[in-house]
């Protein structure tokens, strides 16, 4: 379910459930260190090299998320899809990938967390 499709009551329950997991991911020092290392477009001579640099960054971020924060990722997916994290762990990988894509494309959900992060930084 998309964030924008939830009732206020559903959204409140969802946010209460996932906030500790999101905080755990967002404060992971190893992950933050990798995210801070920006891809320098000046290092890439062409689009192919830029894609290669992006792929290199992804190969460092994905293991952090899937080894250290897998329970948090599965918990968030479960909360969004009305199932528990164990169900997410057992489901077909393509179903999980589709659910991850839906979260990444859920503009309202991403905007909500971005606005929270922005307001925290301005205090």
PDB file of N, CA and C in Angstrom:
ATOM      1  N   UNK A   1       0.845  -1.176   0.000  1.00  0.00           N
ATOM      2  CA  UNK A   1       0.000   0.000   0.000  1.00  0.00           C
ATOM      3  C   UNK A   1       0.890   1.239   0.000  1.00  0.00           C
ATOM      4  N   UNK A   2       0.519   2.224  -0.772  1.00  0.00           N
ATOM      5  CA  UNK A   2       1.262   3.483  -0.797  1.00  0.00           C
ATOM      6  C   UNK A   2       0.870   4.328   0.417  1.00  0.00           C
ATOM      7  N   UNK A   3       1.815   5.117   0.859  1.00  0.00           N
ATOM      8  CA  UNK A   3       1.588   5.994   1.999  1.00  0.00           C
ATOM      9  C   UNK A   3       0.383   6.898   1.755  1.00  0.00           C
ATOM     10  N   UNK A   4       0.270   7.414   0.540  1.00  0.00           N
ATOM     11  CA  UNK A   4      -0.820   8.340   0.212  1.00  0.00           C
ATOM     12  C   UNK A   4      -2.187   7.656   0.185  1.00  0.00           C
ATOM     13  N   UNK A   5      -2.217   6.337   0.140  1.00  0.00           N
ATOM     14  CA  UNK A   5      -3.476   5.594   0.120  1.00  0.00           C
ATOM     15  C   UNK A   5      -3.956   5.230   1.522  1.00  0.00           C
ATOM     16  N   UNK A   6      -3.132   5.491   2.537  1.00  0.00           N
ATOM     17  CA  UNK A   6      -3.487   5.126   3.912  1.00  0.00           C
ATOM     18  C   UNK A   6      -4.410   6.163   4.527  1.00  0.00           C
ATOM     19  N   UNK A   7      -5.257   5.669   5.409  1.00  0.00           N
ATOM     20  CA  UNK A   7      -6.038   6.595   6.220  1.00  0.00           C
ATOM     21  C   UNK A   7      -5.088   7.197   7.259  1.00  0.00           C
ATOM     22  N   UNK A   8      -5.525   8.231   7.920  1.00  0.00           N
ATOM     23  CA  UNK A   8      -4.695   8.852   8.953  1.00  0.00           C
ATOM     24  C   UNK A   8      -4.363   7.842  10.041  1.00  0.00           C
ATOM     25  N   UNK A   9      -5.337   7.035  10.426  1.00  0.00           N
ATOM     26  CA  UNK A   9      -5.121   6.024  11.454  1.00  0.00           C
ATOM     27  C   UNK A   9      -4.094   4.986  10.990  1.00  0.00           C
ATOM     28  N   UNK A  10      -4.225   4.505   9.758  1.00  0.00           N
ATOM     29  CA  UNK A  10      -3.258   3.539   9.222  1.00  0.00           C
ATOM     30  C   UNK A  10      -1.865   4.144   9.145  1.00  0.00           C
ATOM     31  N   UNK A  11      -1.783   5.384   8.692  1.00  0.00           N
ATOM     32  CA  UNK A  11      -0.483   6.049   8.561  1.00  0.00           C
ATOM     33  C   UNK A  11       0.174   6.233   9.929  1.00  0.00           C
ATOM     34  N   UNK A  12      -0.616   6.588  10.935  1.00  0.00           N
ATOM     35  CA  UNK A  12      -0.069   6.760  12.282  1.00  0.00           C
ATOM     36  C   UNK A  12       0.508   5.443  12.792  1.00  0.00           C
ATOM     37  N   UNK A  13      -0.247   4.361  12.625  1.00  0.00           N
ATOM     38  CA  UNK A  13       0.248   3.037  13.058  1.00  0.00           C
ATOM     39  C   UNK A  13       1.500   2.638  12.288  1.00  0.00           C
ATOM     40  N   UNK A  14       1.484   2.867  10.986  1.00  0.00           N
ATOM     41  CA  UNK A  14       2.618   2.531  10.130  1.00  0.00           C
ATOM     42  C   UNK A  14       3.862   3.303  10.564  1.00  0.00           C
ATOM     43  N   UNK A  15       3.721   4.607  10.746  1.00  0.00           N
ATOM     44  CA  UNK A  15       4.872   5.431  11.131  1.00  0.00           C
ATOM     45  C   UNK A  15       5.403   5.049  12.507  1.00  0.00           C
ATOM     46  N   UNK A  16       4.515   4.735  13.439  1.00  0.00           N
ATOM     47  CA  UNK A  16       4.957   4.293  14.764  1.00  0.00           C
ATOM     48  C   UNK A  16       5.744   2.986  14.666  1.00  0.00           C
ATOM     49  N   UNK A  17       5.306   2.103  13.780  1.00  0.00           N
ATOM     50  CA  UNK A  17       5.965   0.807  13.638  1.00  0.00           C
ATOM     51  C   UNK A  17       7.329   0.928  12.964  1.00  0.00           C
ATOM     52  N   UNK A  18       7.436   1.770  11.940  1.00  0.00           N
ATOM     53  CA  UNK A  18       8.690   1.786  11.175  1.00  0.00           C
ATOM     54  C   UNK A  18       9.715   2.810  11.665  1.00  0.00           C
ATOM     55  N   UNK A  19       9.314   3.775  12.473  1.00  0.00           N
ATOM     56  CA  UNK A  19      10.246   4.826  12.882  1.00  0.00           C
ATOM     57  C   UNK A  19      11.522   4.275  13.529  1.00  0.00           C
ATOM     58  N   UNK A  20      11.453   3.315  14.450  1.00  0.00           N
ATOM     59  CA  UNK A  20      12.706   2.794  15.012  1.00  0.00           C
ATOM     60  C   UNK A  20      13.598   2.131  13.955  1.00  0.00           C
ATOM     61  N   UNK A  21      12.989   1.471  12.975  1.00  0.00           N
ATOM     62  CA  UNK A  21      13.765   0.804  11.920  1.00  0.00           C
ATOM     63  C   UNK A  21      14.414   1.833  10.998  1.00  0.00           C
ATOM     64  N   UNK A  22      13.668   2.857  10.642  1.00  0.00           N
ATOM     65  CA  UNK A  22      14.211   3.914   9.790  1.00  0.00           C
ATOM     66  C   UNK A  22      15.348   4.622  10.527  1.00  0.00           C
ATOM     67  N   UNK A  23      15.164   4.882  11.803  1.00  0.00           N
ATOM     68  CA  UNK A  23      16.213   5.535  12.590  1.00  0.00           C
ATOM     69  C   UNK A  23      17.461   4.671  12.658  1.00  0.00           C
ATOM     70  N   UNK A  24      17.281   3.376  12.802  1.00  0.00           N
ATOM     71  CA  UNK A  24      18.416   2.453  12.849  1.00  0.00           C
ATOM     72  C   UNK A  24      19.217   2.497  11.556  1.00  0.00           C
ATOM     73  N   UNK A  25      18.519   2.507  10.438  1.00  0.00           N
ATOM     74  CA  UNK A  25      19.190   2.578   9.133  1.00  0.00           C
ATOM     75  C   UNK A  25      19.842   3.948   8.956  1.00  0.00           C
ATOM     76  N   UNK A  26      19.111   5.000   9.284  1.00  0.00           N
ATOM     77  CA  UNK A  26      19.582   6.365   9.044  1.00  0.00           C
ATOM     78  C   UNK A  26      20.765   6.754   9.917  1.00  0.00           C
ATOM     79  N   UNK A  27      20.999   6.051  11.008  1.00  0.00           N
ATOM     80  CA  UNK A  27      22.111   6.395  11.892  1.00  0.00           C
ATOM     81  C   UNK A  27      23.259   5.395  11.802  1.00  0.00           C
ATOM     82  N   UNK A  28      23.205   4.477  10.852  1.00  0.00           N
ATOM     83  CA  UNK A  28      24.283   3.507  10.684  1.00  0.00           C
ATOM     84  C   UNK A  28      25.524   4.238  10.156  1.00  0.00           C
ATOM     85  N   UNK A  29      26.558   4.300  10.970  1.00  0.00           N
ATOM     86  CA  UNK A  29      27.761   5.070  10.624  1.00  0.00           C
ATOM     87  C   UNK A  29      28.449   4.556   9.365  1.00  0.00           C
ATOM     88  N   UNK A  30      28.502   3.238   9.206  1.00  0.00           N
ATOM     89  CA  UNK A  30      29.141   2.679   8.009  1.00  0.00           C
ATOM     90  C   UNK A  30      28.373   3.083   6.749  1.00  0.00           C
ATOM     91  N   UNK A  31      27.053   2.977   6.816  1.00  0.00           N
ATOM     92  CA  UNK A  31      26.214   3.368   5.688  1.00  0.00           C
ATOM     93  C   UNK A  31      26.349   4.866   5.407  1.00  0.00           C
ATOM     94  N   UNK A  32      26.298   5.672   6.453  1.00  0.00           N
ATOM     95  CA  UNK A  32      26.434   7.120   6.278  1.00  0.00           C
ATOM     96  C   UNK A  32      27.789   7.473   5.668  1.00  0.00           C
ATOM     97  N   UNK A  33      28.827   6.763   6.082  1.00  0.00           N
ATOM     98  CA  UNK A  33      30.151   7.005   5.514  1.00  0.00           C
ATOM     99  C   UNK A  33      30.185   6.760   4.023  1.00  0.00           C
ATOM    100  N   UNK A  34      29.554   5.664   3.584  1.00  0.00           N
ATOM    101  CA  UNK A  34      29.505   5.366   2.149  1.00  0.00           C
ATOM    102  C   UNK A  34      28.655   6.381   1.402  1.00  0.00           C
ATOM    103  N   UNK A  35      27.551   6.796   2.000  1.00  0.00           N
ATOM    104  CA  UNK A  35      26.678   7.761   1.336  1.00  0.00           C
ATOM    105  C   UNK A  35      27.332   9.137   1.232  1.00  0.00           C
ATOM    106  N   UNK A  36      28.188   9.463   2.188  1.00  0.00           N
ATOM    107  CA  UNK A  36      28.875  10.758   2.153  1.00  0.00           C
ATOM    108  C   UNK A  36      29.920  10.822   1.046  1.00  0.00           C
ATOM    109  N   UNK A  37      30.419   9.670   0.648  1.00  0.00           N
ATOM    110  CA  UNK A  37      31.417   9.633  -0.418  1.00  0.00           C
ATOM    111  C   UNK A  37      30.697   9.845  -1.752  1.00  0.00           C
ATOM    112  N   UNK A  38      30.602  11.073  -2.135  1.00  0.00           N
ATOM    113  CA  UNK A  38      29.869  11.414  -3.355  1.00  0.00           C
ATOM    114  C   UNK A  38      30.593  10.887  -4.584  1.00  0.00           C
ATOM    115  N   UNK A  39      29.819  10.585  -5.596  1.00  0.00           N
ATOM    116  CA  UNK A  39      30.397  10.212  -6.885  1.00  0.00           C
ATOM    117  C   UNK A  39      30.847  11.503  -7.553  1.00  0.00           C
ATOM    118  N   UNK A  40      32.113  11.584  -7.847  1.00  0.00           N
ATOM    119  CA  UNK A  40      32.665  12.777  -8.481  1.00  0.00           C
ATOM    120  C   UNK A  40      32.503  12.659  -9.991  1.00  0.00           C
ATOM    121  N   UNK A  41      31.582  13.431 -10.583  1.00  0.00           N
ATOM    122  CA  UNK A  41      31.369  13.339 -12.032  1.00  0.00           C
ATOM    123  C   UNK A  41      32.621  13.684 -12.837  1.00  0.00           C
ATOM    124  N   UNK A  42      33.540  14.421 -12.238  1.00  0.00           N
ATOM    125  CA  UNK A  42      34.770  14.794 -12.945  1.00  0.00           C
ATOM    126  C   UNK A  42      35.684  13.582 -13.152  1.00  0.00           C
ATOM    127  N   UNK A  43      35.507  12.537 -12.325  1.00  0.00           N
ATOM    128  CA  UNK A  43      36.304  11.319 -12.475  1.00  0.00           C
ATOM    129  C   UNK A  43      35.870  10.512 -13.689  1.00  0.00           C
ATOM    130  N   UNK A  44      34.632  10.696 -14.107  1.00  0.00           N
ATOM    131  CA  UNK A  44      34.084   9.923 -15.222  1.00  0.00           C
ATOM    132  C   UNK A  44      34.243  10.691 -16.521  1.00  0.00           C
ATOM    133  N   UNK A  45      34.844  10.033 -17.481  1.00  0.00           N
ATOM    134  CA  UNK A  45      35.041  10.664 -18.787  1.00  0.00           C
ATOM    135  C   UNK A  45      33.783  10.594 -19.642  1.00  0.00           C
ATOM    136  N   UNK A  46      32.949   9.596 -19.374  1.00  0.00           N
ATOM    137  CA  UNK A  46      31.735   9.442 -20.176  1.00  0.00           C
ATOM    138  C   UNK A  46      30.641   8.790 -19.336  1.00  0.00           C
ATOM    139  N   UNK A  47      29.496   8.603 -19.938  1.00  0.00           N
ATOM    140  CA  UNK A  47      28.338   8.037 -19.224  1.00  0.00           C
ATOM    141  C   UNK A  47      28.624   6.628 -18.720  1.00  0.00           C
ATOM    142  N   UNK A  48      29.316   5.825 -19.497  1.00  0.00           N
ATOM    143  CA  UNK A  48      29.629   4.448 -19.086  1.00  0.00           C
ATOM    144  C   UNK A  48      30.480   4.443 -17.822  1.00  0.00           C
ATOM    145  N   UNK A  49      31.447   5.331 -17.753  1.00  0.00           N
ATOM    146  CA  UNK A  49      32.282   5.402 -16.553  1.00  0.00           C
ATOM    147  C   UNK A  49      31.481   5.909 -15.357  1.00  0.00           C
ATOM    148  N   UNK A  50      30.555   6.817 -15.591  1.00  0.00           N
ATOM    149  CA  UNK A  50      29.687   7.307 -14.517  1.00  0.00           C
ATOM    150  C   UNK A  50      28.825   6.165 -13.980  1.00  0.00           C
ATOM    151  N   UNK A  51      28.279   5.350 -14.882  1.00  0.00           N
ATOM    152  CA  UNK A  51      27.491   4.187 -14.462  1.00  0.00           C
ATOM    153  C   UNK A  51      28.358   3.204 -13.695  1.00  0.00           C
ATOM    154  N   UNK A  52      29.596   3.020 -14.121  1.00  0.00           N
ATOM    155  CA  UNK A  52      30.509   2.113 -13.419  1.00  0.00           C
ATOM    156  C   UNK A  52      30.796   2.620 -12.006  1.00  0.00           C
ATOM    157  N   UNK A  53      30.983   3.931 -11.861  1.00  0.00           N
ATOM    158  CA  UNK A  53      31.198   4.500 -10.527  1.00  0.00           C
ATOM    159  C   UNK A  53      29.956   4.319  -9.647  1.00  0.00           C
ATOM    160  N   UNK A  54      28.783   4.507 -10.242  1.00  0.00           N
ATOM    161  CA  UNK A  54      27.536   4.292  -9.504  1.00  0.00           C
ATOM    162  C   UNK A  54      27.383   2.850  -9.075  1.00  0.00           C
ATOM    163  N   UNK A  55      27.721   1.924  -9.961  1.00  0.00           N
ATOM    164  CA  UNK A  55      27.639   0.496  -9.629  1.00  0.00           C
ATOM    165  C   UNK A  55      28.604   0.151  -8.507  1.00  0.00           C
ATOM    166  N   UNK A  56      29.778   0.757  -8.524  1.00  0.00           N
ATOM    167  CA  UNK A  56      30.757   0.522  -7.463  1.00  0.00           C
ATOM    168  C   UNK A  56      30.207   0.980  -6.112  1.00  0.00           C
ATOM    169  N   UNK A  57      29.556   2.139  -6.100  1.00  0.00           N
ATOM    170  CA  UNK A  57      28.964   2.648  -4.854  1.00  0.00           C
ATOM    171  C   UNK A  57      27.859   1.716  -4.367  1.00  0.00           C
ATOM    172  N   UNK A  58      27.030   1.251  -5.279  1.00  0.00           N
ATOM    173  CA  UNK A  58      25.940   0.348  -4.908  1.00  0.00           C
ATOM    174  C   UNK A  58      26.490  -0.947  -4.312  1.00  0.00           C
ATOM    175  N   UNK A  59      27.609  -1.451  -4.848  1.00  0.00           N
ATOM    176  CA  UNK A  59      28.168  -2.697  -4.327  1.00  0.00           C
ATOM    177  C   UNK A  59      28.691  -2.529  -2.905  1.00  0.00           C
ATOM    178  N   UNK A  60      28.900  -1.312  -2.474  1.00  0.00           N
ATOM    179  CA  UNK A  60      29.314  -1.071  -1.088  1.00  0.00           C
ATOM    180  C   UNK A  60      28.111  -0.843  -0.171  1.00  0.00           C
ATOM    181  N   UNK A  61      27.055  -0.252  -0.708  1.00  0.00           N
ATOM    182  CA  UNK A  61      25.883   0.081   0.106  1.00  0.00           C
ATOM    183  C   UNK A  61      24.979  -1.132   0.328  1.00  0.00           C
ATOM    184  N   UNK A  62      24.737  -1.915  -0.713  1.00  0.00           N
ATOM    185  CA  UNK A  62      23.819  -3.052  -0.611  1.00  0.00           C
ATOM    186  C   UNK A  62      24.241  -4.042   0.481  1.00  0.00           C
ATOM    187  N   UNK A  63      25.513  -4.438   0.555  1.00  0.00           N
ATOM    188  CA  UNK A  63      25.887  -5.361   1.635  1.00  0.00           C
ATOM    189  C   UNK A  63      25.656  -4.794   3.036  1.00  0.00           C
ATOM    190  N   UNK A  64      25.860  -3.504   3.191  1.00  0.00           N
ATOM    191  CA  UNK A  64      25.598  -2.893   4.505  1.00  0.00           C
ATOM    192  C   UNK A  64      24.118  -3.036   4.834  1.00  0.00           C
ATOM    193  N   UNK A  65      23.266  -2.717   3.871  1.00  0.00           N
ATOM    194  CA  UNK A  65      21.825  -2.796   4.112  1.00  0.00           C
ATOM    195  C   UNK A  65      21.358  -4.229   4.329  1.00  0.00           C
ATOM    196  N   UNK A  66      21.868  -5.159   3.532  1.00  0.00           N
ATOM    197  CA  UNK A  66      21.352  -6.528   3.603  1.00  0.00           C
ATOM    198  C   UNK A  66      22.020  -7.390   4.668  1.00  0.00           C
ATOM    199  N   UNK A  67      23.183  -7.015   5.129  1.00  0.00           N
ATOM    200  CA  UNK A  67      23.813  -7.773   6.214  1.00  0.00           C
ATOM    201  C   UNK A  67      23.494  -7.176   7.570  1.00  0.00           C
ATOM    202  N   UNK A  68      23.683  -5.870   7.689  1.00  0.00           N
ATOM    203  CA  UNK A  68      23.518  -5.228   8.989  1.00  0.00           C
ATOM    204  C   UNK A  68      22.094  -4.776   9.267  1.00  0.00           C
ATOM    205  N   UNK A  69      21.351  -4.417   8.255  1.00  0.00           N
ATOM    206  CA  UNK A  69      20.034  -3.806   8.443  1.00  0.00           C
ATOM    207  C   UNK A  69      18.905  -4.593   7.797  1.00  0.00           C
ATOM    208  N   UNK A  70      19.140  -5.869   7.523  1.00  0.00           N
ATOM    209  CA  UNK A  70      18.126  -6.696   6.857  1.00  0.00           C
ATOM    210  C   UNK A  70      16.823  -6.748   7.661  1.00  0.00           C
ATOM    211  N   UNK A  71      16.920  -6.925   8.968  1.00  0.00           N
ATOM    212  CA  UNK A  71      15.705  -7.002   9.794  1.00  0.00           C
ATOM    213  C   UNK A  71      14.908  -5.703   9.706  1.00  0.00           C
ATOM    214  N   UNK A  72      15.611  -4.577   9.665  1.00  0.00           N
ATOM    215  CA  UNK A  72      14.918  -3.287   9.545  1.00  0.00           C
ATOM    216  C   UNK A  72      14.235  -3.152   8.182  1.00  0.00           C
ATOM    217  N   UNK A  73      14.946  -3.524   7.129  1.00  0.00           N
ATOM    218  CA  UNK A  73      14.386  -3.458   5.777  1.00  0.00           C
ATOM    219  C   UNK A  73      13.146  -4.351   5.686  1.00  0.00           C
ATOM    220  N   UNK A  74      13.266  -5.595   6.177  1.00  0.00           N
ATOM    221  CA  UNK A  74      12.132  -6.527   6.130  1.00  0.00           C
ATOM    222  C   UNK A  74      10.981  -6.031   6.993  1.00  0.00           C
ATOM    223  N   UNK A  75      11.299  -5.414   8.125  1.00  0.00           N
ATOM    224  CA  UNK A  75      10.253  -4.869   8.995  1.00  0.00           C
ATOM    225  C   UNK A  75       9.483  -3.745   8.331  1.00  0.00           C
ATOM    226  N   UNK A  76      10.198  -2.866   7.646  1.00  0.00           N
ATOM    227  CA  UNK A  76       9.548  -1.755   6.938  1.00  0.00           C
ATOM    228  C   UNK A  76       8.671  -2.289   5.808  1.00  0.00           C
ATOM    229  N   UNK A  77       9.216  -3.228   5.026  1.00  0.00           N
ATOM    230  CA  UNK A  77       8.423  -3.822   3.940  1.00  0.00           C
ATOM    231  C   UNK A  77       7.194  -4.526   4.496  1.00  0.00           C
ATOM    232  N   UNK A  78       7.374  -5.239   5.599  1.00  0.00           N
ATOM    233  CA  UNK A  78       6.247  -5.937   6.210  1.00  0.00           C
ATOM    234  C   UNK A  78       5.162  -4.971   6.663  1.00  0.00           C
ATOM    235  N   UNK A  79       5.575  -3.901   7.339  1.00  0.00           N
ATOM    236  CA  UNK A  79       4.607  -2.913   7.827  1.00  0.00           C
ATOM    237  C   UNK A  79       3.841  -2.278   6.678  1.00  0.00           C
ATOM    238  N   UNK A  80       4.515  -2.011   5.596  1.00  0.00           N
ATOM    239  CA  UNK A  80       3.873  -1.379   4.447  1.00  0.00           C
ATOM    240  C   UNK A  80       2.927  -2.334   3.728  1.00  0.00           C
ATOM    241  N   UNK A  81       3.206  -3.632   3.820  1.00  0.00           N
ATOM    242  CA  UNK A  81       2.401  -4.627   3.100  1.00  0.00           C
ATOM    243  C   UNK A  81       1.492  -5.451   4.002  1.00  0.00           C
ATOM    244  N   UNK A  82       1.397  -5.075   5.267  1.00  0.00           N
ATOM    245  CA  UNK A  82       0.467  -5.734   6.182  1.00  0.00           C
ATOM    246  C   UNK A  82       0.841  -7.162   6.548  1.00  0.00           C
ATOM    247  N   UNK A  83       2.135  -7.468   6.546  1.00  0.00           N
ATOM    248  CA  UNK A  83       2.608  -8.796   6.949  1.00  0.00           C
ATOM    249  C   UNK A  83       3.786  -8.605   7.900  1.00  0.00           C
ATOM    250  N   UNK A  84       4.257  -9.711   8.491  1.00  0.00           N
ATOM    251  CA  UNK A  84       5.409  -9.585   9.373  1.00  0.00           C
ATOM    252  C   UNK A  84       6.714  -9.760   8.599  1.00  0.00           C
ATOM    253  N   UNK A  85       7.810  -9.441   9.255  1.00  0.00           N
ATOM    254  CA  UNK A  85       9.125  -9.499   8.614  1.00  0.00           C
ATOM    255  C   UNK A  85       9.476 -10.918   8.179  1.00  0.00           C
ATOM    256  N   UNK A  86       9.028 -11.930   8.927  1.00  0.00           N
ATOM    257  CA  UNK A  86       9.303 -13.318   8.547  1.00  0.00           C
ATOM    258  C   UNK A  86       8.644 -13.673   7.220  1.00  0.00           C
ATOM    259  N   UNK A  87       7.468 -13.146   6.974  1.00  0.00           N
ATOM    260  CA  UNK A  87       6.790 -13.380   5.699  1.00  0.00           C
ATOM    261  C   UNK A  87       7.597 -12.766   4.559  1.00  0.00           C
ATOM    262  N   UNK A  88       8.102 -11.568   4.778  1.00  0.00           N
ATOM    263  CA  UNK A  88       8.945 -10.916   3.767  1.00  0.00           C
ATOM    264  C   UNK A  88      10.186 -11.772   3.508  1.00  0.00           C
ATOM    265  N   UNK A  89      10.812 -12.279   4.554  1.00  0.00           N
ATOM    266  CA  UNK A  89      12.029 -13.088   4.412  1.00  0.00           C
ATOM    267  C   UNK A  89      11.788 -14.352   3.596  1.00  0.00           C
ATOM    268  N   UNK A  90      10.605 -14.924   3.697  1.00  0.00           N
ATOM    269  CA  UNK A  90      10.292 -16.184   3.011  1.00  0.00           C
ATOM    270  C   UNK A  90       9.715 -15.997   1.610  1.00  0.00           C
ATOM    271  N   UNK A  91       9.272 -14.792   1.291  1.00  0.00           N
ATOM    272  CA  UNK A  91       8.612 -14.608  -0.002  1.00  0.00           C
ATOM    273  C   UNK A  91       9.619 -14.627  -1.149  1.00  0.00           C
ATOM    274  N   UNK A  92       9.110 -14.762  -2.338  1.00  0.00           N
ATOM    275  CA  UNK A  92       9.914 -14.773  -3.554  1.00  0.00           C
ATOM    276  C   UNK A  92      10.685 -13.462  -3.689  1.00  0.00           C
ATOM    277  N   UNK A  93      11.944 -13.555  -4.095  1.00  0.00           N
ATOM    278  CA  UNK A  93      12.802 -12.378  -4.210  1.00  0.00           C
ATOM    279  C   UNK A  93      12.228 -11.336  -5.171  1.00  0.00           C
ATOM    280  N   UNK A  94      11.551 -11.761  -6.213  1.00  0.00           N
ATOM    281  CA  UNK A  94      10.991 -10.800  -7.168  1.00  0.00           C
ATOM    282  C   UNK A  94       9.839 -10.011  -6.543  1.00  0.00           C
ATOM    283  N   UNK A  95       9.104 -10.642  -5.654  1.00  0.00           N
ATOM    284  CA  UNK A  95       8.054  -9.930  -4.921  1.00  0.00           C
ATOM    285  C   UNK A  95       8.688  -8.866  -4.031  1.00  0.00           C
ATOM    286  N   UNK A  96       9.768  -9.238  -3.347  1.00  0.00           N
ATOM    287  CA  UNK A  96      10.471  -8.290  -2.481  1.00  0.00           C
ATOM    288  C   UNK A  96      11.043  -7.138  -3.289  1.00  0.00           C
ATOM    289  N   UNK A  97      11.649  -7.447  -4.421  1.00  0.00           N
ATOM    290  CA  UNK A  97      12.222  -6.399  -5.270  1.00  0.00           C
ATOM    291  C   UNK A  97      11.135  -5.441  -5.750  1.00  0.00           C
ATOM    292  N   UNK A  98       9.977  -5.974  -6.097  1.00  0.00           N
ATOM    293  CA  UNK A  98       8.865  -5.124  -6.534  1.00  0.00           C
ATOM    294  C   UNK A  98       8.425  -4.204  -5.391  1.00  0.00           C
ATOM    295  N   UNK A  99       8.361  -4.755  -4.179  1.00  0.00           N
ATOM    296  CA  UNK A  99       7.966  -3.947  -3.030  1.00  0.00           C
ATOM    297  C   UNK A  99       8.988  -2.849  -2.737  1.00  0.00           C
ATOM    298  N   UNK A 100      10.274  -3.164  -2.873  1.00  0.00           N
ATOM    299  CA  UNK A 100      11.315  -2.158  -2.678  1.00  0.00           C
ATOM    300  C   UNK A 100      11.200  -1.042  -3.714  1.00  0.00           C
ATOM    301  N   UNK A 101      10.936  -1.427  -4.959  1.00  0.00           N
ATOM    302  CA  UNK A 101      10.763  -0.423  -6.019  1.00  0.00           C
ATOM    303  C   UNK A 101       9.575   0.482  -5.715  1.00  0.00           C
ATOM    304  N   UNK A 102       8.507  -0.101  -5.186  1.00  0.00           N
ATOM    305  CA  UNK A 102       7.323   0.691  -4.857  1.00  0.00           C
ATOM    306  C   UNK A 102       7.632   1.716  -3.774  1.00  0.00           C
ATOM    307  N   UNK A 103       8.445   1.332  -2.788  1.00  0.00           N
ATOM    308  CA  UNK A 103       8.819   2.277  -1.735  1.00  0.00           C
ATOM    309  C   UNK A 103       9.643   3.416  -2.323  1.00  0.00           C
ATOM    310  N   UNK A 104      10.604   3.072  -3.163  1.00  0.00           N
ATOM    311  CA  UNK A 104      11.472   4.086  -3.765  1.00  0.00           C
ATOM    312  C   UNK A 104      10.668   5.044  -4.638  1.00  0.00           C
ATOM    313  N   UNK A 105       9.585   4.559  -5.226  1.00  0.00           N
ATOM    314  CA  UNK A 105       8.748   5.405  -6.086  1.00  0.00           C
ATOM    315  C   UNK A 105       7.619   6.104  -5.324  1.00  0.00           C
ATOM    316  N   UNK A 106       7.477   5.811  -4.022  1.00  0.00           N
ATOM    317  CA  UNK A 106       6.407   6.414  -3.223  1.00  0.00           C
ATOM    318  C   UNK A 106       6.839   7.818  -2.790  1.00  0.00           C
ATOM    319  N   UNK A 107       6.576   8.779  -3.651  1.00  0.00           N
ATOM    320  CA  UNK A 107       7.037  10.154  -3.444  1.00  0.00           C
ATOM    321  C   UNK A 107       6.561  10.728  -2.112  1.00  0.00           C
ATOM    322  N   UNK A 108       5.325  10.484  -1.745  1.00  0.00           N
ATOM    323  CA  UNK A 108       4.790  11.048  -0.507  1.00  0.00           C
ATOM    324  C   UNK A 108       5.527  10.506   0.711  1.00  0.00           C
ATOM    325  N   UNK A 109       5.824   9.211   0.722  1.00  0.00           N
ATOM    326  CA  UNK A 109       6.539   8.611   1.849  1.00  0.00           C
ATOM    327  C   UNK A 109       7.955   9.173   1.928  1.00  0.00           C
ATOM    328  N   UNK A 110       8.642   9.232   0.795  1.00  0.00           N
ATOM    329  CA  UNK A 110      10.002   9.761   0.778  1.00  0.00           C
ATOM    330  C   UNK A 110      10.026  11.239   1.153  1.00  0.00           C
ATOM    331  N   UNK A 111       9.055  11.994   0.660  1.00  0.00           N
ATOM    332  CA  UNK A 111       8.978  13.417   1.006  1.00  0.00           C
ATOM    333  C   UNK A 111       8.734  13.606   2.505  1.00  0.00           C
ATOM    334  N   UNK A 112       7.912  12.733   3.091  1.00  0.00           N
ATOM    335  CA  UNK A 112       7.644  12.827   4.528  1.00  0.00           C
ATOM    336  C   UNK A 112       8.937  12.683   5.322  1.00  0.00           C
ATOM    337  N   UNK A 113       9.712  11.639   5.025  1.00  0.00           N
ATOM    338  CA  UNK A 113      10.948  11.423   5.767  1.00  0.00           C
ATOM    339  C   UNK A 113      12.000  12.481   5.440  1.00  0.00           C
ATOM    340  N   UNK A 114      12.010  12.946   4.209  1.00  0.00           N
ATOM    341  CA  UNK A 114      12.947  14.014   3.850  1.00  0.00           C
ATOM    342  C   UNK A 114      12.611  15.282   4.619  1.00  0.00           C
ATOM    343  N   UNK A 115      11.326  15.597   4.733  1.00  0.00           N
ATOM    344  CA  UNK A 115      10.938  16.807   5.461  1.00  0.00           C
ATOM    345  C   UNK A 115      11.275  16.679   6.946  1.00  0.00           C
ATOM    346  N   UNK A 116      11.169  15.478   7.486  1.00  0.00           N
ATOM    347  CA  UNK A 116      11.556  15.264   8.888  1.00  0.00           C
ATOM    348  C   UNK A 116      13.056  15.474   9.064  1.00  0.00           C
ATOM    349  N   UNK A 117      13.838  14.948   8.135  1.00  0.00           N
ATOM    350  CA  UNK A 117      15.294  15.097   8.194  1.00  0.00           C
ATOM    351  C   UNK A 117      15.685  16.551   8.011  1.00  0.00           C
ATOM    352  N   UNK A 118      15.020  17.254   7.103  1.00  0.00           N
ATOM    353  CA  UNK A 118      15.315  18.664   6.858  1.00  0.00           C
ATOM    354  C   UNK A 118      15.009  19.505   8.086  1.00  0.00           C
ATOM    355  N   UNK A 119      13.871  19.236   8.745  1.00  0.00           N
ATOM    356  CA  UNK A 119      13.497  20.031   9.917  1.00  0.00           C
ATOM    357  C   UNK A 119      14.410  19.729  11.085  1.00  0.00           C
ATOM    358  N   UNK A 120      14.921  18.498  11.188  1.00  0.00           N
ATOM    359  CA  UNK A 120      15.842  18.156  12.266  1.00  0.00           C
ATOM    360  C   UNK A 120      17.171  18.875  12.080  1.00  0.00           C
ATOM    361  N   UNK A 121      17.611  19.003  10.844  1.00  0.00           N
ATOM    362  CA  UNK A 121      18.875  19.669  10.564  1.00  0.00           C
ATOM    363  C   UNK A 121      18.820  21.164  10.771  1.00  0.00           C
ATOM    364  N   UNK A 122      17.627  21.738  10.742  1.00  0.00           N
ATOM    365  CA  UNK A 122      17.505  23.196  10.882  1.00  0.00           C
ATOM    366  C   UNK A 122      17.347  23.646  12.320  1.00  0.00           C
ATOM    367  N   UNK A 123      17.254  22.696  13.231  1.00  0.00           N
ATOM    368  CA  UNK A 123      17.083  23.074  14.650  1.00  0.00           C
ATOM    369  C   UNK A 123      18.384  23.398  15.312  1.00  0.00           C
TER     370      UNK A 123
END
